[in-house]
PDB file of N, CA and C in Angstrom:
ATOM      1  N   MET A   1     117.077 317.491 147.126  1.00  0.00           N
ATOM      2  CA  MET A   1     118.077 317.356 146.084  1.00  0.00           C
ATOM      3  C   MET A   1     117.906 316.034 145.341  1.00  0.00           C
ATOM      4  N   CYS A   2     117.470 315.012 146.045  1.00  0.00           N
ATOM      5  CA  CYS A   2     117.262 313.712 145.398  1.00  0.00           C
ATOM      6  C   CYS A   2     116.180 313.821 144.329  1.00  0.00           C
ATOM      7  N   ALA A   3     115.085 314.496 144.664  1.00  0.00           N
ATOM      8  CA  ALA A   3     114.001 314.676 143.686  1.00  0.00           C
ATOM      9  C   ALA A   3     114.478 315.528 142.513  1.00  0.00           C
ATOM     10  N   ARG A   4     115.229 316.573 142.800  1.00  0.00           N
ATOM     11  CA  ARG A   4     115.760 317.433 141.745  1.00  0.00           C
ATOM     12  C   ARG A   4     116.669 316.627 140.821  1.00  0.00           C
ATOM     13  N   ASP A   5     117.571 315.854 141.415  1.00  0.00           N
ATOM     14  CA  ASP A   5     118.499 315.052 140.608  1.00  0.00           C
ATOM     15  C   ASP A   5     117.758 314.083 139.695  1.00  0.00           C
ATOM     16  N   THR A   6     116.723 313.455 140.214  1.00  0.00           N
ATOM     17  CA  THR A   6     115.940 312.503 139.417  1.00  0.00           C
ATOM     18  C   THR A   6     115.253 313.210 138.243  1.00  0.00           C
ATOM     19  N   LEU A   7     114.734 314.399 138.499  1.00  0.00           N
ATOM     20  CA  LEU A   7     114.018 315.132 137.454  1.00  0.00           C
ATOM     21  C   LEU A   7     114.936 315.724 136.386  1.00  0.00           C
ATOM     22  N   VAL A   8     116.140 316.156 136.758  1.00  0.00           N
ATOM     23  CA  VAL A   8     116.999 316.845 135.797  1.00  0.00           C
ATOM     24  C   VAL A   8     117.931 315.925 135.017  1.00  0.00           C
ATOM     25  N   ARG A   9     118.178 314.742 135.533  1.00  0.00           N
ATOM     26  CA  ARG A   9     119.122 313.820 134.891  1.00  0.00           C
ATOM     27  C   ARG A   9     118.809 313.577 133.413  1.00  0.00           C
ATOM     28  N   PRO A  10     117.538 313.321 133.027  1.00  0.00           N
ATOM     29  CA  PRO A  10     117.254 313.062 131.608  1.00  0.00           C
ATOM     30  C   PRO A  10     117.535 314.253 130.681  1.00  0.00           C
ATOM     31  N   PHE A  11     117.627 315.450 131.235  1.00  0.00           N
ATOM     32  CA  PHE A  11     117.835 316.650 130.424  1.00  0.00           C
ATOM     33  C   PHE A  11     119.309 317.056 130.326  1.00  0.00           C
ATOM     34  N   GLY A  12     120.179 316.291 130.942  1.00  0.00           N
ATOM     35  CA  GLY A  12     121.600 316.584 130.876  1.00  0.00           C
ATOM     36  C   GLY A  12     122.068 317.669 131.826  1.00  0.00           C
ATOM     37  N   ILE A  13     121.228 318.032 132.783  1.00  0.00           N
ATOM     38  CA  ILE A  13     121.607 319.015 133.798  1.00  0.00           C
ATOM     39  C   ILE A  13     122.397 318.282 134.874  1.00  0.00           C
ATOM     40  N   LYS A  14     123.456 318.890 135.371  1.00  0.00           N
ATOM     41  CA  LYS A  14     124.311 318.250 136.362  1.00  0.00           C
ATOM     42  C   LYS A  14     123.528 317.905 137.625  1.00  0.00           C
ATOM     43  N   THR A  15     123.740 316.697 138.110  1.00  0.00           N
ATOM     44  CA  THR A  15     123.146 316.277 139.384  1.00  0.00           C
ATOM     45  C   THR A  15     124.049 316.756 140.520  1.00  0.00           C
ATOM     46  N   SER A  16     123.547 316.660 141.741  1.00  0.00           N
ATOM     47  CA  SER A  16     124.358 317.084 142.884  1.00  0.00           C
ATOM     48  C   SER A  16     125.612 316.223 142.998  1.00  0.00           C
ATOM     49  N   GLY A  17     125.530 314.944 142.686  1.00  0.00           N
ATOM     50  CA  GLY A  17     126.706 314.084 142.703  1.00  0.00           C
ATOM     51  C   GLY A  17     127.744 314.500 141.678  1.00  0.00           C
ATOM     52  N   GLN A  18     127.283 314.860 140.497  1.00  0.00           N
ATOM     53  CA  GLN A  18     128.209 315.334 139.462  1.00  0.00           C
ATOM     54  C   GLN A  18     128.863 316.650 139.870  1.00  0.00           C
ATOM     55  N   LEU A  19     128.081 317.534 140.492  1.00  0.00           N
ATOM     56  CA  LEU A  19     128.637 318.803 140.958  1.00  0.00           C
ATOM     57  C   LEU A  19     129.691 318.568 142.037  1.00  0.00           C
ATOM     58  N   ARG A  20     129.409 317.656 142.991  1.00  0.00           N
ATOM     59  CA  ARG A  20     130.388 317.343 144.038  1.00  0.00           C
ATOM     60  C   ARG A  20     131.677 316.798 143.434  1.00  0.00           C
ATOM     61  N   ALA A  21     131.539 315.869 142.481  1.00  0.00           N
ATOM     62  CA  ALA A  21     132.713 315.272 141.841  1.00  0.00           C
ATOM     63  C   ALA A  21     133.514 316.325 141.075  1.00  0.00           C
ATOM     64  N   GLN A  22     132.826 317.200 140.365  1.00  0.00           N
ATOM     65  CA  GLN A  22     133.490 318.262 139.610  1.00  0.00           C
ATOM     66  C   GLN A  22     134.273 319.179 140.541  1.00  0.00           C
ATOM     67  N   LEU A  23     133.663 319.549 141.667  1.00  0.00           N
ATOM     68  CA  LEU A  23     134.341 320.413 142.633  1.00  0.00           C
ATOM     69  C   LEU A  23     135.556 319.717 143.236  1.00  0.00           C
ATOM     70  N   ALA A  24     135.418 318.431 143.526  1.00  0.00           N
ATOM     71  CA  ALA A  24     136.539 317.678 144.096  1.00  0.00           C
ATOM     72  C   ALA A  24     137.712 317.614 143.124  1.00  0.00           C
ATOM     73  N   ARG A  25     137.416 317.381 141.854  1.00  0.00           N
ATOM     74  CA  ARG A  25     138.478 317.315 140.837  1.00  0.00           C
ATOM     75  C   ARG A  25     139.159 318.661 140.632  1.00  0.00           C
ATOM     76  N   SER A  26     138.369 319.735 140.707  1.00  0.00           N
ATOM     77  CA  SER A  26     138.913 321.064 140.415  1.00  0.00           C
ATOM     78  C   SER A  26     139.717 321.631 141.581  1.00  0.00           C
ATOM     79  N   GLY A  27     139.442 321.142 142.773  1.00  0.00           N
ATOM     80  CA  GLY A  27     140.111 321.693 143.950  1.00  0.00           C
ATOM     81  C   GLY A  27     139.560 323.043 144.370  1.00  0.00           C
ATOM     82  N   ALA A  28     138.450 323.453 143.761  1.00  0.00           N
ATOM     83  CA  ALA A  28     137.845 324.751 144.083  1.00  0.00           C
ATOM     84  C   ALA A  28     137.294 324.751 145.507  1.00  0.00           C
ATOM     85  N   ARG A  29     137.371 325.898 146.140  1.00  0.00           N
ATOM     86  CA  ARG A  29     136.734 326.042 147.457  1.00  0.00           C
ATOM     87  C   ARG A  29     135.232 325.967 147.252  1.00  0.00           C
ATOM     88  N   HIS A  30     134.540 325.321 148.187  1.00  0.00           N
ATOM     89  CA  HIS A  30     133.092 325.170 148.028  1.00  0.00           C
ATOM     90  C   HIS A  30     132.418 324.979 149.373  1.00  0.00           C
ATOM     91  N   ILE A  31     131.122 325.211 149.368  1.00  0.00           N
ATOM     92  CA  ILE A  31     130.244 324.894 150.491  1.00  0.00           C
ATOM     93  C   ILE A  31     129.180 323.987 149.922  1.00  0.00           C
ATOM     94  N   GLY A  32     129.157 322.742 150.365  1.00  0.00           N
ATOM     95  CA  GLY A  32     128.233 321.765 149.791  1.00  0.00           C
ATOM     96  C   GLY A  32     128.533 321.588 148.317  1.00  0.00           C
ATOM     97  N   ILE A  33     127.515 321.758 147.488  1.00  0.00           N
ATOM     98  CA  ILE A  33     127.691 321.596 146.045  1.00  0.00           C
ATOM     99  C   ILE A  33     127.895 322.928 145.334  1.00  0.00           C
ATOM    100  N   LEU A  34     128.091 323.999 146.098  1.00  0.00           N
ATOM    101  CA  LEU A  34     128.222 325.325 145.503  1.00  0.00           C
ATOM    102  C   LEU A  34     129.660 325.832 145.611  1.00  0.00           C
ATOM    103  N   ARG A  35     130.208 326.249 144.490  1.00  0.00           N
ATOM    104  CA  ARG A  35     131.555 326.816 144.444  1.00  0.00           C
ATOM    105  C   ARG A  35     131.552 328.199 145.090  1.00  0.00           C
ATOM    106  N   ILE A  36     132.610 328.504 145.828  1.00  0.00           N
ATOM    107  CA  ILE A  36     132.771 329.829 146.432  1.00  0.00           C
ATOM    108  C   ILE A  36     133.481 330.719 145.429  1.00  0.00           C
ATOM    109  N   PHE A  37     132.807 331.762 144.975  1.00  0.00           N
ATOM    110  CA  PHE A  37     133.402 332.712 144.048  1.00  0.00           C
ATOM    111  C   PHE A  37     134.160 333.805 144.788  1.00  0.00           C
ATOM    112  N   SER A  38     133.633 334.240 145.921  1.00  0.00           N
ATOM    113  CA  SER A  38     134.322 335.244 146.731  1.00  0.00           C
ATOM    114  C   SER A  38     133.744 335.179 148.138  1.00  0.00           C
ATOM    115  N   GLY A  39     134.470 335.756 149.067  1.00  0.00           N
ATOM    116  CA  GLY A  39     133.970 335.771 150.429  1.00  0.00           C
ATOM    117  C   GLY A  39     134.825 336.637 151.330  1.00  0.00           C
ATOM    118  N   ASN A  40     134.198 337.158 152.346  1.00  0.00           N
ATOM    119  CA  ASN A  40     134.892 337.895 153.392  1.00  0.00           C
ATOM    120  C   ASN A  40     134.125 337.660 154.684  1.00  0.00           C
ATOM    121  N   GLU A  41     134.437 338.404 155.727  1.00  0.00           N
ATOM    122  CA  GLU A  41     133.789 338.161 157.020  1.00  0.00           C
ATOM    123  C   GLU A  41     132.295 338.472 157.016  1.00  0.00           C
ATOM    124  N   ARG A  42     131.807 339.210 156.028  1.00  0.00           N
ATOM    125  CA  ARG A  42     130.390 339.589 155.990  1.00  0.00           C
ATOM    126  C   ARG A  42     129.585 338.888 154.910  1.00  0.00           C
ATOM    127  N   GLU A  43     130.234 338.497 153.806  1.00  0.00           N
ATOM    128  CA  GLU A  43     129.460 337.959 152.687  1.00  0.00           C
ATOM    129  C   GLU A  43     130.235 336.858 151.977  1.00  0.00           C
ATOM    130  N   VAL A  44     129.480 335.872 151.518  1.00  0.00           N
ATOM    131  CA  VAL A  44     130.051 334.834 150.659  1.00  0.00           C
ATOM    132  C   VAL A  44     129.199 334.771 149.391  1.00  0.00           C
ATOM    133  N   MET A  45     129.885 334.655 148.250  1.00  0.00           N
ATOM    134  CA  MET A  45     129.211 334.557 146.955  1.00  0.00           C
ATOM    135  C   MET A  45     129.461 333.150 146.417  1.00  0.00           C
ATOM    136  N   LEU A  46     128.378 332.399 146.266  1.00  0.00           N
ATOM    137  CA  LEU A  46     128.434 331.017 145.810  1.00  0.00           C
ATOM    138  C   LEU A  46     127.773 330.902 144.451  1.00  0.00           C
ATOM    139  N   GLY A  47     127.974 329.786 143.763  1.00  0.00           N
ATOM    140  CA  GLY A  47     127.257 329.597 142.516  1.00  0.00           C
ATOM    141  C   GLY A  47     127.838 328.525 141.645  1.00  0.00           C
ATOM    142  N   GLU A  48     127.386 328.537 140.402  1.00  0.00           N
ATOM    143  CA  GLU A  48     127.833 327.572 139.401  1.00  0.00           C
ATOM    144  C   GLU A  48     127.539 328.148 138.028  1.00  0.00           C
ATOM    145  N   ASP A  49     128.401 327.808 137.084  1.00  0.00           N
ATOM    146  CA  ASP A  49     128.187 328.169 135.683  1.00  0.00           C
ATOM    147  C   ASP A  49     127.967 326.879 134.907  1.00  0.00           C
ATOM    148  N   ASP A  50     127.005 326.891 134.014  1.00  0.00           N
ATOM    149  CA  ASP A  50     126.731 325.719 133.196  1.00  0.00           C
ATOM    150  C   ASP A  50     126.272 326.184 131.820  1.00  0.00           C
ATOM    151  N   SER A  51     126.093 325.243 130.927  1.00  0.00           N
ATOM    152  CA  SER A  51     125.720 325.607 129.559  1.00  0.00           C
ATOM    153  C   SER A  51     124.307 326.178 129.480  1.00  0.00           C
ATOM    154  N   HIS A  52     123.425 325.780 130.395  1.00  0.00           N
ATOM    155  CA  HIS A  52     122.038 326.247 130.326  1.00  0.00           C
ATOM    156  C   HIS A  52     121.779 327.491 131.171  1.00  0.00           C
ATOM    157  N   LEU A  53     122.560 327.682 132.238  1.00  0.00           N
ATOM    158  CA  LEU A  53     122.398 328.871 133.060  1.00  0.00           C
ATOM    159  C   LEU A  53     123.586 329.055 133.981  1.00  0.00           C
ATOM    160  N   ASP A  54     123.771 330.275 134.460  1.00  0.00           N
ATOM    161  CA  ASP A  54     124.729 330.606 135.507  1.00  0.00           C
ATOM    162  C   ASP A  54     123.900 331.123 136.677  1.00  0.00           C
ATOM    163  N   PHE A  55     124.303 330.785 137.884  1.00  0.00           N
ATOM    164  CA  PHE A  55     123.588 331.355 139.026  1.00  0.00           C
ATOM    165  C   PHE A  55     124.571 331.723 140.120  1.00  0.00           C
ATOM    166  N   ARG A  56     124.173 332.706 140.894  1.00  0.00           N
ATOM    167  CA  ARG A  56     124.939 333.160 142.043  1.00  0.00           C
ATOM    168  C   ARG A  56     124.002 333.274 143.236  1.00  0.00           C
ATOM    169  N   VAL A  57     124.560 332.970 144.390  1.00  0.00           N
ATOM    170  CA  VAL A  57     123.855 333.099 145.657  1.00  0.00           C
ATOM    171  C   VAL A  57     124.739 333.940 146.569  1.00  0.00           C
ATOM    172  N   SER A  58     124.231 335.049 147.016  1.00  0.00           N
ATOM    173  CA  SER A  58     124.934 335.880 147.980  1.00  0.00           C
ATOM    174  C   SER A  58     124.332 335.619 149.350  1.00  0.00           C
ATOM    175  N   VAL A  59     125.192 335.313 150.317  1.00  0.00           N
ATOM    176  CA  VAL A  59     124.759 335.170 151.705  1.00  0.00           C
ATOM    177  C   VAL A  59     125.488 336.252 152.486  1.00  0.00           C
ATOM    178  N   LEU A  60     124.725 337.229 152.947  1.00  0.00           N
ATOM    179  CA  LEU A  60     125.267 338.410 153.615  1.00  0.00           C
ATOM    180  C   LEU A  60     124.892 338.380 155.086  1.00  0.00           C
ATOM    181  N   ARG A  61     125.886 338.509 155.957  1.00  0.00           N
ATOM    182  CA  ARG A  61     125.628 338.641 157.399  1.00  0.00           C
ATOM    183  C   ARG A  61     125.472 340.122 157.680  1.00  0.00           C
ATOM    184  N   GLN A  62     124.294 340.476 158.177  1.00  0.00           N
ATOM    185  CA  GLN A  62     123.991 341.890 158.406  1.00  0.00           C
ATOM    186  C   GLN A  62     123.495 342.064 159.829  1.00  0.00           C
ATOM    187  N   SER A  63     124.043 343.025 160.531  1.00  0.00           N
ATOM    188  CA  SER A  63     123.592 343.262 161.907  1.00  0.00           C
ATOM    189  C   SER A  63     122.293 344.049 161.887  1.00  0.00           C
ATOM    190  N   GLU A  64     121.508 343.843 162.907  1.00  0.00           N
ATOM    191  CA  GLU A  64     120.252 344.595 163.038  1.00  0.00           C
ATOM    192  C   GLU A  64     120.545 346.088 163.128  1.00  0.00           C
ATOM    193  N   THR A  65     121.685 346.451 163.706  1.00  0.00           N
ATOM    194  CA  THR A  65     122.054 347.863 163.816  1.00  0.00           C
ATOM    195  C   THR A  65     122.113 348.504 162.434  1.00  0.00           C
ATOM    196  N   GLU A  66     122.642 347.763 161.467  1.00  0.00           N
ATOM    197  CA  GLU A  66     122.709 348.281 160.100  1.00  0.00           C
ATOM    198  C   GLU A  66     121.322 348.446 159.497  1.00  0.00           C
ATOM    199  N   MET A  67     120.381 347.630 159.943  1.00  0.00           N
ATOM    200  CA  MET A  67     119.039 347.645 159.362  1.00  0.00           C
ATOM    201  C   MET A  67     118.116 348.621 160.069  1.00  0.00           C
ATOM    202  N   ASP A  68     117.953 348.446 161.400  1.00  0.00           N
ATOM    203  CA  ASP A  68     116.944 349.263 162.083  1.00  0.00           C
ATOM    204  C   ASP A  68     117.258 349.535 163.554  1.00  0.00           C
ATOM    205  N   GLY A  69     118.523 349.506 163.909  1.00  0.00           N
ATOM    206  CA  GLY A  69     118.882 349.900 165.268  1.00  0.00           C
ATOM    207  C   GLY A  69     118.884 348.788 166.290  1.00  0.00           C
ATOM    208  N   GLY A  70     118.597 347.549 165.914  1.00  0.00           N
ATOM    209  CA  GLY A  70     118.608 346.437 166.858  1.00  0.00           C
ATOM    210  C   GLY A  70     120.013 345.950 167.129  1.00  0.00           C
ATOM    211  N   SER A  71     120.131 344.781 167.784  1.00  0.00           N
ATOM    212  CA  SER A  71     121.463 344.288 168.125  1.00  0.00           C
ATOM    213  C   SER A  71     121.733 342.866 167.630  1.00  0.00           C
ATOM    214  N   ASP A  72     120.775 342.198 167.059  1.00  0.00           N
ATOM    215  CA  ASP A  72     120.966 340.835 166.568  1.00  0.00           C
ATOM    216  C   ASP A  72     121.491 340.847 165.143  1.00  0.00           C
ATOM    217  N   ALA A  73     122.002 339.708 164.714  1.00  0.00           N
ATOM    218  CA  ALA A  73     122.471 339.567 163.333  1.00  0.00           C
ATOM    219  C   ALA A  73     121.434 338.794 162.534  1.00  0.00           C
ATOM    220  N   ARG A  74     121.477 338.972 161.228  1.00  0.00           N
ATOM    221  CA  ARG A  74     120.600 338.217 160.338  1.00  0.00           C
ATOM    222  C   ARG A  74     121.358 337.879 159.066  1.00  0.00           C
ATOM    223  N   LEU A  75     120.862 336.872 158.387  1.00  0.00           N
ATOM    224  CA  LEU A  75     121.413 336.499 157.087  1.00  0.00           C
ATOM    225  C   LEU A  75     120.456 336.951 156.006  1.00  0.00           C
ATOM    226  N   VAL A  76     121.006 337.557 154.967  1.00  0.00           N
ATOM    227  CA  VAL A  76     120.223 337.989 153.819  1.00  0.00           C
ATOM    228  C   VAL A  76     120.718 337.187 152.622  1.00  0.00           C
ATOM    229  N   VAL A  77     119.805 336.460 151.985  1.00  0.00           N
ATOM    230  CA  VAL A  77     120.165 335.632 150.842  1.00  0.00           C
ATOM    231  C   VAL A  77     119.558 336.238 149.589  1.00  0.00           C
ATOM    232  N   THR A  78     120.407 336.392 148.567  1.00  0.00           N
ATOM    233  CA  THR A  78     119.958 336.907 147.279  1.00  0.00           C
ATOM    234  C   THR A  78     120.435 335.947 146.203  1.00  0.00           C
ATOM    235  N   THR A  79     119.542 335.591 145.296  1.00  0.00           N
ATOM    236  CA  THR A  79     119.930 334.721 144.187  1.00  0.00           C
ATOM    237  C   THR A  79     119.726 335.455 142.864  1.00  0.00           C
ATOM    238  N   VAL A  80     120.649 335.199 141.937  1.00  0.00           N
ATOM    239  CA  VAL A  80     120.586 335.780 140.604  1.00  0.00           C
ATOM    240  C   VAL A  80     120.856 334.660 139.613  1.00  0.00           C
ATOM    241  N   VAL A  81     120.037 334.599 138.569  1.00  0.00           N
ATOM    242  CA  VAL A  81     120.190 333.561 137.549  1.00  0.00           C
ATOM    243  C   VAL A  81     120.258 334.219 136.181  1.00  0.00           C
ATOM    244  N   ARG A  82     121.192 333.736 135.377  1.00  0.00           N
ATOM    245  CA  ARG A  82     121.300 334.179 133.979  1.00  0.00           C
ATOM    246  C   ARG A  82     121.098 332.954 133.097  1.00  0.00           C
ATOM    247  N   CYS A  83     119.994 332.921 132.384  1.00  0.00           N
ATOM    248  CA  CYS A  83     119.676 331.793 131.502  1.00  0.00           C
ATOM    249  C   CYS A  83     120.364 331.972 130.161  1.00  0.00           C
ATOM    250  N   HIS A  84     120.885 330.873 129.623  1.00  0.00           N
ATOM    251  CA  HIS A  84     121.575 330.910 128.332  1.00  0.00           C
ATOM    252  C   HIS A  84     120.720 330.375 127.181  1.00  0.00           C
ATOM    253  N   ASN A  85     119.715 329.572 127.510  1.00  0.00           N
ATOM    254  CA  ASN A  85     118.938 328.941 126.441  1.00  0.00           C
ATOM    255  C   ASN A  85     117.575 328.498 126.979  1.00  0.00           C
ATOM    256  N   ARG A  86     116.816 327.809 126.141  1.00  0.00           N
ATOM    257  CA  ARG A  86     115.466 327.365 126.530  1.00  0.00           C
ATOM    258  C   ARG A  86     115.497 326.402 127.710  1.00  0.00           C
ATOM    259  N   LEU A  87     116.494 325.527 127.737  1.00  0.00           N
ATOM    260  CA  LEU A  87     116.597 324.585 128.857  1.00  0.00           C
ATOM    261  C   LEU A  87     116.763 325.340 130.168  1.00  0.00           C
ATOM    262  N   GLY A  88     117.586 326.373 130.174  1.00  0.00           N
ATOM    263  CA  GLY A  88     117.765 327.179 131.381  1.00  0.00           C
ATOM    264  C   GLY A  88     116.482 327.859 131.811  1.00  0.00           C
ATOM    265  N   ARG A  89     115.766 328.425 130.837  1.00  0.00           N
ATOM    266  CA  ARG A  89     114.488 329.089 131.162  1.00  0.00           C
ATOM    267  C   ARG A  89     113.452 328.077 131.654  1.00  0.00           C
ATOM    268  N   ALA A  90     113.411 326.899 131.040  1.00  0.00           N
ATOM    269  CA  ALA A  90     112.468 325.858 131.472  1.00  0.00           C
ATOM    270  C   ALA A  90     112.794 325.388 132.887  1.00  0.00           C
ATOM    271  N   TYR A  91     114.094 325.217 133.164  1.00  0.00           N
ATOM    272  CA  TYR A  91     114.523 324.769 134.490  1.00  0.00           C
ATOM    273  C   TYR A  91     114.108 325.786 135.553  1.00  0.00           C
ATOM    274  N   ILE A  92     114.376 327.062 135.303  1.00  0.00           N
ATOM    275  CA  ILE A  92     114.012 328.102 136.268  1.00  0.00           C
ATOM    276  C   ILE A  92     112.503 328.164 136.465  1.00  0.00           C
ATOM    277  N   THR A  93     111.759 328.040 135.386  1.00  0.00           N
ATOM    278  CA  THR A  93     110.298 328.031 135.490  1.00  0.00           C
ATOM    279  C   THR A  93     109.831 326.877 136.363  1.00  0.00           C
ATOM    280  N   ALA A  94     110.449 325.710 136.190  1.00  0.00           N
ATOM    281  CA  ALA A  94     110.043 324.521 136.951  1.00  0.00           C
ATOM    282  C   ALA A  94     110.373 324.639 138.435  1.00  0.00           C
ATOM    283  N   ILE A  95     111.521 325.224 138.771  1.00  0.00           N
ATOM    284  CA  ILE A  95     111.909 325.267 140.188  1.00  0.00           C
ATOM    285  C   ILE A  95     111.433 326.522 140.906  1.00  0.00           C
ATOM    286  N   ARG A  96     110.952 327.484 140.164  1.00  0.00           N
ATOM    287  CA  ARG A  96     110.548 328.757 140.774  1.00  0.00           C
ATOM    288  C   ARG A  96     109.608 328.560 141.965  1.00  0.00           C
ATOM    289  N   LEU A  97     108.670 327.649 141.851  1.00  0.00           N
ATOM    290  CA  LEU A  97     107.700 327.417 142.933  1.00  0.00           C
ATOM    291  C   LEU A  97     108.361 326.871 144.188  1.00  0.00           C
ATOM    292  N   PHE A  98     109.464 326.144 144.040  1.00  0.00           N
ATOM    293  CA  PHE A  98     110.118 325.503 145.177  1.00  0.00           C
ATOM    294  C   PHE A  98     111.313 326.298 145.698  1.00  0.00           C
ATOM    295  N   HIS A  99     111.791 327.228 144.905  1.00  0.00           N
ATOM    296  CA  HIS A  99     113.040 327.925 145.223  1.00  0.00           C
ATOM    297  C   HIS A  99     112.998 328.597 146.593  1.00  0.00           C
ATOM    298  N   ARG A 100     111.974 329.355 146.863  1.00  0.00           N
ATOM    299  CA  ARG A 100     111.874 330.066 148.141  1.00  0.00           C
ATOM    300  C   ARG A 100     111.895 329.089 149.312  1.00  0.00           C
ATOM    301  N   ARG A 101     111.192 327.981 149.189  1.00  0.00           N
ATOM    302  CA  ARG A 101     111.170 326.981 150.267  1.00  0.00           C
ATOM    303  C   ARG A 101     112.546 326.354 150.477  1.00  0.00           C
ATOM    304  N   VAL A 102     113.256 326.114 149.389  1.00  0.00           N
ATOM    305  CA  VAL A 102     114.601 325.547 149.498  1.00  0.00           C
ATOM    306  C   VAL A 102     115.537 326.531 150.201  1.00  0.00           C
ATOM    307  N   VAL A 103     115.449 327.807 149.843  1.00  0.00           N
ATOM    308  CA  VAL A 103     116.297 328.821 150.482  1.00  0.00           C
ATOM    309  C   VAL A 103     115.969 328.910 151.968  1.00  0.00           C
ATOM    310  N   ILE A 104     114.705 328.949 152.321  1.00  0.00           N
ATOM    311  CA  ILE A 104     114.309 329.029 153.735  1.00  0.00           C
ATOM    312  C   ILE A 104     114.788 327.802 154.495  1.00  0.00           C
ATOM    313  N   ALA A 105     114.638 326.607 153.917  1.00  0.00           N
ATOM    314  CA  ALA A 105     115.106 325.377 154.563  1.00  0.00           C
ATOM    315  C   ALA A 105     116.626 325.411 154.738  1.00  0.00           C
ATOM    316  N   SER A 106     117.332 325.937 153.745  1.00  0.00           N
ATOM    317  CA  SER A 106     118.793 326.041 153.836  1.00  0.00           C
ATOM    318  C   SER A 106     119.201 326.997 154.953  1.00  0.00           C
ATOM    319  N   LEU A 107     118.497 328.107 155.096  1.00  0.00           N
ATOM    320  CA  LEU A 107     118.791 329.052 156.174  1.00  0.00           C
ATOM    321  C   LEU A 107     118.511 328.439 157.543  1.00  0.00           C
ATOM    322  N   ARG A 108     117.434 327.701 157.657  1.00  0.00           N
ATOM    323  CA  ARG A 108     117.145 327.017 158.935  1.00  0.00           C
ATOM    324  C   ARG A 108     118.240 326.012 159.273  1.00  0.00           C
ATOM    325  N   HIS A 109     118.685 325.278 158.266  1.00  0.00           N
ATOM    326  CA  HIS A 109     119.766 324.313 158.467  1.00  0.00           C
ATOM    327  C   HIS A 109     121.040 325.036 158.921  1.00  0.00           C
ATOM    328  N   ALA A 110     121.352 326.160 158.279  1.00  0.00           N
ATOM    329  CA  ALA A 110     122.528 326.943 158.651  1.00  0.00           C
ATOM    330  C   ALA A 110     122.406 327.454 160.085  1.00  0.00           C
ATOM    331  N   ALA A 111     121.224 327.905 160.473  1.00  0.00           N
ATOM    332  CA  ALA A 111     121.003 328.408 161.824  1.00  0.00           C
ATOM    333  C   ALA A 111     121.215 327.298 162.860  1.00  0.00           C
ATOM    334  N   ARG A 112     120.756 326.087 162.549  1.00  0.00           N
ATOM    335  CA  ARG A 112     120.975 324.962 163.470  1.00  0.00           C
ATOM    336  C   ARG A 112     122.456 324.645 163.628  1.00  0.00           C
ATOM    337  N   ARG A 113     123.244 324.956 162.592  1.00  0.00           N
ATOM    338  CA  ARG A 113     124.690 324.692 162.644  1.00  0.00           C
ATOM    339  C   ARG A 113     125.472 325.884 163.209  1.00  0.00           C
ATOM    340  N   GLY A 114     124.759 326.951 163.604  1.00  0.00           N
ATOM    341  CA  GLY A 114     125.424 328.057 164.267  1.00  0.00           C
ATOM    342  C   GLY A 114     125.582 329.338 163.480  1.00  0.00           C
ATOM    343  N   TRP A 115     125.120 329.362 162.221  1.00  0.00           N
ATOM    344  CA  TRP A 115     125.203 330.617 161.454  1.00  0.00           C
ATOM    345  C   TRP A 115     124.203 331.575 162.024  1.00  0.00           C
ATOM    346  N   PRO A 116     124.406 332.855 162.024  1.00  0.00           N
ATOM    347  CA  PRO A 116     125.529 333.562 161.422  1.00  0.00           C
ATOM    348  C   PRO A 116     126.709 333.747 162.355  1.00  0.00           C
ATOM    349  N   LEU A 117     126.660 333.162 163.552  1.00  0.00           N
ATOM    350  CA  LEU A 117     127.723 333.394 164.511  1.00  0.00           C
ATOM    351  C   LEU A 117     128.934 332.497 164.285  1.00  0.00           C
ATOM    352  N   ALA A 118     128.717 331.317 163.752  1.00  0.00           N
ATOM    353  CA  ALA A 118     129.826 330.350 163.589  1.00  0.00           C
ATOM    354  C   ALA A 118     130.719 330.734 162.437  1.00  0.00           C
TER     355      ALA A 118
END
């Protein structure tokens, strides 16, 4: 996030610190720097809306039984981005190479903290 913040600051894209401050002022429910749009015992929908793009992240807790007859649980992460302008498209193009690694690292971090059971 530090590298991302350094790279996006000159373009007027919100840094993680700005996102945290915005969430604190708004009183919105959030996880980290992501606002919670909806959630239940199986899925949480996170994201942010901005002038250059809107994005959503769905984190779904799915049992192996639902998938293929097993008994363990898994997390399924889906991201959706809607670009509003050239800056949004440029940003997505730039992070596309790193996005999958960031999601995997985030899932590993969540697993260390006890997800999907916690």
